[in-house]
Amino acid sequence: MSEKIHPIVQLLQQDQRFHLEAYQFVREALSYAQEILKMPSGGEEGEHHITGQQLCEAIRLYAVEQYGFLARTVLNNWGVHSTSDFGEIVYNLIRIKHMKKSEHDRREDFNDCYDFENAFEPIFELSSRDGD
C-alpha cells in the first residue's frame, strides 16, 4: 500500500530553499493581513484579495510584532532574504493549492517591495518622562 505524501512535505523535498517555518509564517501573515485590513474571512474571492505588496507589508509588520529586533535574523535563518523570496513561497503554496491567486496577480508583484536590510527595525517613539 502506497502512502500519499502530504503536499507540503513533498514541496519541502522538491524545493529546499525555505524552511517549513517560513511557509507557516507566510500563511499566518496572510491571516494577519486580512485582519489588519479588516477583510472578511468568507465571501467572494475578490472581496478579500490581498496584493503581493500588501502581503509583503503585512509580513514585515507581523515579523516585527512577533520577533522584534530579531525579525530579519529569524527570516534569514528560514532561508528568506528578500521580498522576492516571499513571492517564491506564496507561489509554491499556490502550486500545491494552499493559497489562491487572482488573474491579475504576478510573481513579480513581490519583487523589491522594501529594503530587507532595514525594513524589520522596530520603530520607537521617544517621549520625555515629564510629559514635555
N, C-alpha and C. Protein backbone atom coordinates (compact mmCIF):
# COMPACT_ATOMS: atom_id res chain seq x y z
N MET A 1 0.85 -1.18 0.00
CA MET A 1 0.00 0.00 0.00
C MET A 1 0.89 1.24 0.00
N SER A 2 0.67 2.13 -0.94
CA SER A 2 1.48 3.34 -1.00
C SER A 2 0.80 4.46 -0.22
N GLU A 3 1.59 5.13 0.60
CA GLU A 3 1.05 6.24 1.38
C GLU A 3 1.22 7.52 0.59
N LYS A 4 0.19 8.35 0.64
CA LYS A 4 0.27 9.65 -0.03
C LYS A 4 1.09 10.59 0.83
N ILE A 5 2.01 11.28 0.21
CA ILE A 5 2.83 12.26 0.91
C ILE A 5 2.07 13.57 0.93
N HIS A 6 2.01 14.19 2.11
CA HIS A 6 1.34 15.49 2.25
C HIS A 6 2.00 16.48 1.29
N PRO A 7 1.21 17.32 0.62
CA PRO A 7 1.76 18.25 -0.37
C PRO A 7 2.87 19.15 0.17
N ILE A 8 2.77 19.60 1.42
CA ILE A 8 3.80 20.48 1.96
C ILE A 8 5.11 19.71 2.18
N VAL A 9 5.01 18.45 2.57
CA VAL A 9 6.21 17.61 2.74
C VAL A 9 6.87 17.41 1.38
N GLN A 10 6.07 17.13 0.39
CA GLN A 10 6.58 16.95 -0.97
C GLN A 10 7.24 18.24 -1.46
N LEU A 11 6.61 19.37 -1.19
CA LEU A 11 7.17 20.67 -1.56
C LEU A 11 8.53 20.89 -0.91
N LEU A 12 8.63 20.59 0.38
CA LEU A 12 9.89 20.77 1.10
C LEU A 12 10.99 19.85 0.57
N GLN A 13 10.61 18.70 0.07
CA GLN A 13 11.58 17.79 -0.53
C GLN A 13 12.05 18.30 -1.89
N GLN A 14 11.14 18.89 -2.66
CA GLN A 14 11.46 19.37 -4.00
C GLN A 14 12.19 20.71 -3.99
N ASP A 15 11.82 21.59 -3.08
CA ASP A 15 12.39 22.94 -3.02
C ASP A 15 12.89 23.17 -1.60
N GLN A 16 14.18 23.04 -1.41
CA GLN A 16 14.76 23.10 -0.08
C GLN A 16 15.32 24.48 0.28
N ARG A 17 14.93 25.50 -0.48
CA ARG A 17 15.42 26.86 -0.18
C ARG A 17 14.87 27.40 1.12
N PHE A 18 13.63 27.05 1.45
CA PHE A 18 12.96 27.65 2.60
C PHE A 18 12.54 26.57 3.59
N HIS A 19 12.60 26.91 4.86
CA HIS A 19 12.19 26.00 5.93
C HIS A 19 10.67 25.97 6.04
N LEU A 20 10.17 24.93 6.65
CA LEU A 20 8.73 24.79 6.89
C LEU A 20 8.20 26.02 7.63
N GLU A 21 8.97 26.52 8.59
CA GLU A 21 8.54 27.68 9.37
C GLU A 21 8.27 28.90 8.49
N ALA A 22 9.02 29.05 7.42
CA ALA A 22 8.80 30.18 6.50
C ALA A 22 7.43 30.07 5.85
N TYR A 23 7.06 28.87 5.43
CA TYR A 23 5.74 28.66 4.83
C TYR A 23 4.63 28.91 5.85
N GLN A 24 4.81 28.40 7.05
CA GLN A 24 3.81 28.61 8.11
C GLN A 24 3.68 30.09 8.43
N PHE A 25 4.80 30.78 8.49
CA PHE A 25 4.79 32.20 8.84
C PHE A 25 4.06 33.02 7.76
N VAL A 26 4.30 32.72 6.50
CA VAL A 26 3.63 33.45 5.42
C VAL A 26 2.12 33.21 5.48
N ARG A 27 1.71 32.00 5.78
CA ARG A 27 0.26 31.72 5.91
C ARG A 27 -0.33 32.47 7.10
N GLU A 28 0.40 32.52 8.21
CA GLU A 28 -0.06 33.29 9.37
C GLU A 28 -0.13 34.77 9.03
N ALA A 29 0.86 35.25 8.30
CA ALA A 29 0.89 36.67 7.91
C ALA A 29 -0.26 37.02 6.98
N LEU A 30 -0.70 36.07 6.16
CA LEU A 30 -1.87 36.30 5.32
C LEU A 30 -3.11 36.53 6.19
N SER A 31 -3.29 35.72 7.20
CA SER A 31 -4.42 35.91 8.13
C SER A 31 -4.29 37.24 8.85
N TYR A 32 -3.08 37.57 9.25
CA TYR A 32 -2.80 38.86 9.91
C TYR A 32 -3.17 40.01 8.98
N ALA A 33 -2.80 39.90 7.70
CA ALA A 33 -3.11 40.94 6.72
C ALA A 33 -4.62 41.11 6.57
N GLN A 34 -5.34 40.01 6.48
CA GLN A 34 -6.80 40.09 6.36
C GLN A 34 -7.40 40.75 7.60
N GLU A 35 -6.81 40.48 8.75
CA GLU A 35 -7.30 41.08 9.99
C GLU A 35 -7.03 42.58 10.04
N ILE A 36 -5.79 43.00 9.74
CA ILE A 36 -5.48 44.43 9.84
C ILE A 36 -6.14 45.25 8.73
N LEU A 37 -6.40 44.60 7.59
CA LEU A 37 -7.09 45.29 6.50
C LEU A 37 -8.60 45.15 6.63
N LYS A 38 -9.04 44.51 7.71
CA LYS A 38 -10.47 44.32 8.01
C LYS A 38 -11.23 43.67 6.85
N MET A 39 -10.64 42.60 6.33
CA MET A 39 -11.27 41.87 5.24
C MET A 39 -12.06 40.70 5.80
N PRO A 40 -13.19 40.40 5.19
CA PRO A 40 -13.98 39.27 5.68
C PRO A 40 -13.26 37.95 5.44
N SER A 41 -13.48 37.00 6.33
CA SER A 41 -12.82 35.70 6.16
C SER A 41 -13.55 34.81 5.16
N GLY A 42 -14.79 35.12 4.84
CA GLY A 42 -15.55 34.34 3.86
C GLY A 42 -15.95 35.22 2.70
N GLY A 43 -16.84 34.74 1.88
CA GLY A 43 -17.34 35.55 0.78
C GLY A 43 -16.60 35.29 -0.51
N GLU A 44 -16.85 36.16 -1.48
CA GLU A 44 -16.24 36.01 -2.79
C GLU A 44 -14.75 36.30 -2.73
N GLU A 45 -14.00 35.66 -3.60
CA GLU A 45 -12.55 35.79 -3.61
C GLU A 45 -12.09 37.24 -3.75
N GLY A 46 -12.69 38.01 -4.61
CA GLY A 46 -12.30 39.40 -4.82
C GLY A 46 -12.52 40.27 -3.61
N GLU A 47 -13.45 39.89 -2.74
CA GLU A 47 -13.76 40.68 -1.56
C GLU A 47 -12.64 40.69 -0.54
N HIS A 48 -11.84 39.64 -0.50
CA HIS A 48 -10.78 39.57 0.49
C HIS A 48 -9.42 39.28 -0.14
N HIS A 49 -9.23 39.73 -1.36
CA HIS A 49 -7.97 39.52 -2.05
C HIS A 49 -6.92 40.51 -1.54
N ILE A 50 -5.73 40.01 -1.34
CA ILE A 50 -4.60 40.83 -0.88
C ILE A 50 -3.54 40.80 -1.97
N THR A 51 -3.01 41.96 -2.31
CA THR A 51 -1.97 42.03 -3.34
C THR A 51 -0.63 41.56 -2.77
N GLY A 52 0.30 41.31 -3.65
CA GLY A 52 1.64 40.93 -3.23
C GLY A 52 2.28 42.00 -2.36
N GLN A 53 2.11 43.26 -2.74
CA GLN A 53 2.69 44.36 -1.96
C GLN A 53 2.04 44.44 -0.58
N GLN A 54 0.73 44.28 -0.51
CA GLN A 54 0.04 44.31 0.78
C GLN A 54 0.50 43.16 1.68
N LEU A 55 0.67 41.99 1.09
CA LEU A 55 1.12 40.85 1.87
C LEU A 55 2.54 41.07 2.37
N CYS A 56 3.41 41.60 1.53
CA CYS A 56 4.78 41.88 1.97
C CYS A 56 4.80 42.85 3.14
N GLU A 57 3.97 43.87 3.08
CA GLU A 57 3.91 44.84 4.18
C GLU A 57 3.36 44.18 5.44
N ALA A 58 2.34 43.35 5.30
CA ALA A 58 1.79 42.64 6.45
C ALA A 58 2.83 41.69 7.05
N ILE A 59 3.60 41.03 6.20
CA ILE A 59 4.66 40.15 6.68
C ILE A 59 5.67 40.95 7.48
N ARG A 60 6.04 42.11 6.99
CA ARG A 60 7.00 42.97 7.70
C ARG A 60 6.47 43.34 9.08
N LEU A 61 5.23 43.82 9.13
CA LEU A 61 4.63 44.23 10.40
C LEU A 61 4.50 43.05 11.36
N TYR A 62 4.06 41.93 10.85
CA TYR A 62 3.86 40.73 11.67
C TYR A 62 5.20 40.22 12.20
N ALA A 63 6.22 40.24 11.37
CA ALA A 63 7.55 39.78 11.79
C ALA A 63 8.09 40.66 12.92
N VAL A 64 7.95 41.97 12.78
CA VAL A 64 8.41 42.88 13.84
C VAL A 64 7.60 42.66 15.11
N GLU A 65 6.30 42.47 14.96
CA GLU A 65 5.44 42.22 16.12
C GLU A 65 5.83 40.93 16.83
N GLN A 66 6.13 39.89 16.06
CA GLN A 66 6.44 38.59 16.64
C GLN A 66 7.87 38.47 17.16
N TYR A 67 8.83 39.07 16.44
CA TYR A 67 10.24 38.82 16.73
C TYR A 67 11.07 40.06 17.05
N GLY A 68 10.47 41.23 16.96
CA GLY A 68 11.19 42.46 17.29
C GLY A 68 12.47 42.61 16.50
N PHE A 69 13.56 42.96 17.20
CA PHE A 69 14.85 43.17 16.55
C PHE A 69 15.39 41.92 15.86
N LEU A 70 14.89 40.76 16.21
CA LEU A 70 15.37 39.51 15.62
C LEU A 70 14.62 39.11 14.35
N ALA A 71 13.66 39.91 13.92
CA ALA A 71 12.81 39.53 12.78
C ALA A 71 13.62 39.15 11.55
N ARG A 72 14.53 40.00 11.13
CA ARG A 72 15.31 39.70 9.92
C ARG A 72 16.17 38.46 10.12
N THR A 73 16.75 38.33 11.31
CA THR A 73 17.59 37.17 11.61
C THR A 73 16.78 35.88 11.53
N VAL A 74 15.58 35.89 12.09
CA VAL A 74 14.71 34.71 12.05
C VAL A 74 14.36 34.36 10.60
N LEU A 75 13.92 35.36 9.84
CA LEU A 75 13.56 35.11 8.44
C LEU A 75 14.76 34.60 7.65
N ASN A 76 15.93 35.22 7.85
CA ASN A 76 17.15 34.76 7.16
C ASN A 76 17.45 33.30 7.51
N ASN A 77 17.26 32.94 8.77
CA ASN A 77 17.51 31.57 9.21
C ASN A 77 16.59 30.58 8.50
N TRP A 78 15.40 31.03 8.13
CA TRP A 78 14.45 30.18 7.42
C TRP A 78 14.69 30.18 5.91
N GLY A 79 15.71 30.91 5.45
CA GLY A 79 16.04 30.96 4.02
C GLY A 79 15.45 32.15 3.29
N VAL A 80 14.85 33.08 4.02
CA VAL A 80 14.19 34.24 3.41
C VAL A 80 15.11 35.45 3.53
N HIS A 81 15.48 36.04 2.36
CA HIS A 81 16.43 37.15 2.35
C HIS A 81 15.93 38.37 1.59
N SER A 82 14.74 38.28 1.01
CA SER A 82 14.20 39.40 0.24
C SER A 82 12.69 39.23 0.10
N THR A 83 12.03 40.30 -0.31
CA THR A 83 10.59 40.19 -0.56
C THR A 83 10.31 39.26 -1.73
N SER A 84 11.27 39.14 -2.63
CA SER A 84 11.14 38.20 -3.74
C SER A 84 10.99 36.77 -3.22
N ASP A 85 11.69 36.47 -2.12
CA ASP A 85 11.55 35.14 -1.51
C ASP A 85 10.13 34.90 -1.01
N PHE A 86 9.47 35.95 -0.50
CA PHE A 86 8.07 35.80 -0.11
C PHE A 86 7.23 35.40 -1.32
N GLY A 87 7.52 35.98 -2.46
CA GLY A 87 6.82 35.61 -3.69
C GLY A 87 7.04 34.16 -4.06
N GLU A 88 8.27 33.69 -3.91
CA GLU A 88 8.57 32.28 -4.18
C GLU A 88 7.76 31.37 -3.26
N ILE A 89 7.71 31.73 -1.99
CA ILE A 89 6.95 30.94 -1.02
C ILE A 89 5.47 30.94 -1.37
N VAL A 90 4.91 32.11 -1.63
CA VAL A 90 3.49 32.22 -1.98
C VAL A 90 3.18 31.40 -3.23
N TYR A 91 3.99 31.52 -4.25
CA TYR A 91 3.70 30.79 -5.49
C TYR A 91 3.92 29.29 -5.34
N ASN A 92 4.82 28.88 -4.45
CA ASN A 92 4.92 27.46 -4.12
C ASN A 92 3.64 26.98 -3.44
N LEU A 93 3.11 27.80 -2.52
CA LEU A 93 1.86 27.44 -1.84
C LEU A 93 0.68 27.44 -2.80
N ILE A 94 0.68 28.34 -3.76
CA ILE A 94 -0.36 28.35 -4.79
C ILE A 94 -0.29 27.07 -5.62
N ARG A 95 0.92 26.68 -5.97
CA ARG A 95 1.13 25.48 -6.79
C ARG A 95 0.56 24.23 -6.13
N ILE A 96 0.66 24.15 -4.79
CA ILE A 96 0.14 22.96 -4.09
C ILE A 96 -1.28 23.21 -3.55
N LYS A 97 -1.88 24.31 -4.01
CA LYS A 97 -3.27 24.65 -3.68
C LYS A 97 -3.50 24.97 -2.19
N HIS A 98 -2.48 25.55 -1.55
CA HIS A 98 -2.62 26.00 -0.17
C HIS A 98 -2.85 27.51 -0.10
N MET A 99 -2.80 28.17 -1.24
CA MET A 99 -3.15 29.58 -1.39
C MET A 99 -3.76 29.73 -2.77
N LYS A 100 -4.42 30.87 -2.97
CA LYS A 100 -5.03 31.16 -4.27
C LYS A 100 -4.48 32.48 -4.79
N LYS A 101 -4.64 32.66 -6.10
CA LYS A 101 -4.26 33.93 -6.71
C LYS A 101 -5.37 34.37 -7.65
N SER A 102 -5.38 35.68 -7.91
CA SER A 102 -6.34 36.19 -8.88
C SER A 102 -5.67 36.20 -10.25
N GLU A 103 -6.46 36.48 -11.27
CA GLU A 103 -5.90 36.51 -12.63
C GLU A 103 -4.94 37.68 -12.81
N HIS A 104 -5.00 38.67 -11.93
CA HIS A 104 -4.13 39.84 -12.04
C HIS A 104 -2.82 39.69 -11.27
N ASP A 105 -2.73 38.70 -10.41
CA ASP A 105 -1.52 38.51 -9.61
C ASP A 105 -0.37 38.00 -10.46
N ARG A 106 0.81 38.49 -10.12
CA ARG A 106 2.03 38.02 -10.79
C ARG A 106 3.09 37.76 -9.73
N ARG A 107 3.94 36.85 -10.00
CA ARG A 107 5.04 36.54 -9.09
C ARG A 107 5.89 37.79 -8.85
N GLU A 108 6.06 38.62 -9.88
CA GLU A 108 6.89 39.82 -9.81
C GLU A 108 6.33 40.87 -8.86
N ASP A 109 5.06 40.74 -8.46
CA ASP A 109 4.46 41.70 -7.53
C ASP A 109 5.19 41.74 -6.20
N PHE A 110 5.97 40.72 -5.91
CA PHE A 110 6.69 40.62 -4.64
C PHE A 110 8.12 41.16 -4.72
N ASN A 111 8.56 41.51 -5.91
CA ASN A 111 9.95 41.96 -6.06
C ASN A 111 10.16 43.35 -5.48
N ASP A 112 11.21 43.50 -4.70
CA ASP A 112 11.67 44.81 -4.21
C ASP A 112 10.58 45.65 -3.56
N CYS A 113 9.76 45.05 -2.73
CA CYS A 113 8.71 45.81 -2.04
C CYS A 113 9.29 46.72 -0.97
N TYR A 114 10.40 46.32 -0.38
CA TYR A 114 11.13 47.16 0.58
C TYR A 114 12.54 46.61 0.74
N ASP A 115 13.38 47.44 1.36
CA ASP A 115 14.77 47.07 1.62
C ASP A 115 14.81 46.12 2.82
N PHE A 116 15.13 44.89 2.55
CA PHE A 116 15.12 43.86 3.59
C PHE A 116 16.12 44.17 4.70
N GLU A 117 17.19 44.85 4.36
CA GLU A 117 18.24 45.16 5.33
C GLU A 117 17.72 46.03 6.48
N ASN A 118 16.82 46.97 6.19
CA ASN A 118 16.36 47.93 7.20
C ASN A 118 14.89 47.80 7.56
N ALA A 119 14.14 47.02 6.84
CA ALA A 119 12.68 47.01 6.99
C ALA A 119 12.17 46.45 8.30
N PHE A 120 12.98 45.66 8.98
CA PHE A 120 12.48 44.97 10.17
C PHE A 120 12.94 45.60 11.47
N GLU A 121 13.44 46.82 11.39
CA GLU A 121 13.82 47.53 12.61
C GLU A 121 12.56 48.06 13.27
N PRO A 122 12.30 47.68 14.51
CA PRO A 122 11.12 48.22 15.19
C PRO A 122 11.20 49.74 15.30
N ILE A 123 10.07 50.38 15.21
CA ILE A 123 10.01 51.84 15.29
C ILE A 123 9.63 52.22 16.72
N PHE A 124 10.44 53.08 17.28
CA PHE A 124 10.19 53.54 18.64
C PHE A 124 9.84 55.01 18.62
N GLU A 125 8.95 55.39 19.51
CA GLU A 125 8.62 56.80 19.68
C GLU A 125 9.25 57.25 20.98
N LEU A 126 10.01 58.34 20.91
CA LEU A 126 10.65 58.87 22.10
C LEU A 126 9.77 59.95 22.71
N SER A 127 9.66 59.90 24.00
CA SER A 127 8.93 60.95 24.71
C SER A 127 9.65 61.21 26.02
N SER A 128 9.49 62.39 26.54
CA SER A 128 10.15 62.71 27.81
C SER A 128 9.33 62.16 28.96
N ARG A 129 9.99 61.92 30.06
CA ARG A 129 9.33 61.35 31.24
C ARG A 129 8.35 62.32 31.88
N ASP A 130 8.65 63.60 31.80
CA ASP A 130 7.79 64.57 32.48
C ASP A 130 6.63 65.05 31.62
N GLY A 131 6.45 64.44 30.47
CA GLY A 131 5.30 64.77 29.62
C GLY A 131 5.52 65.93 28.70
N ASP A 132 6.74 66.47 28.61
CA ASP A 132 7.03 67.59 27.71
C ASP A 132 7.06 67.16 26.28
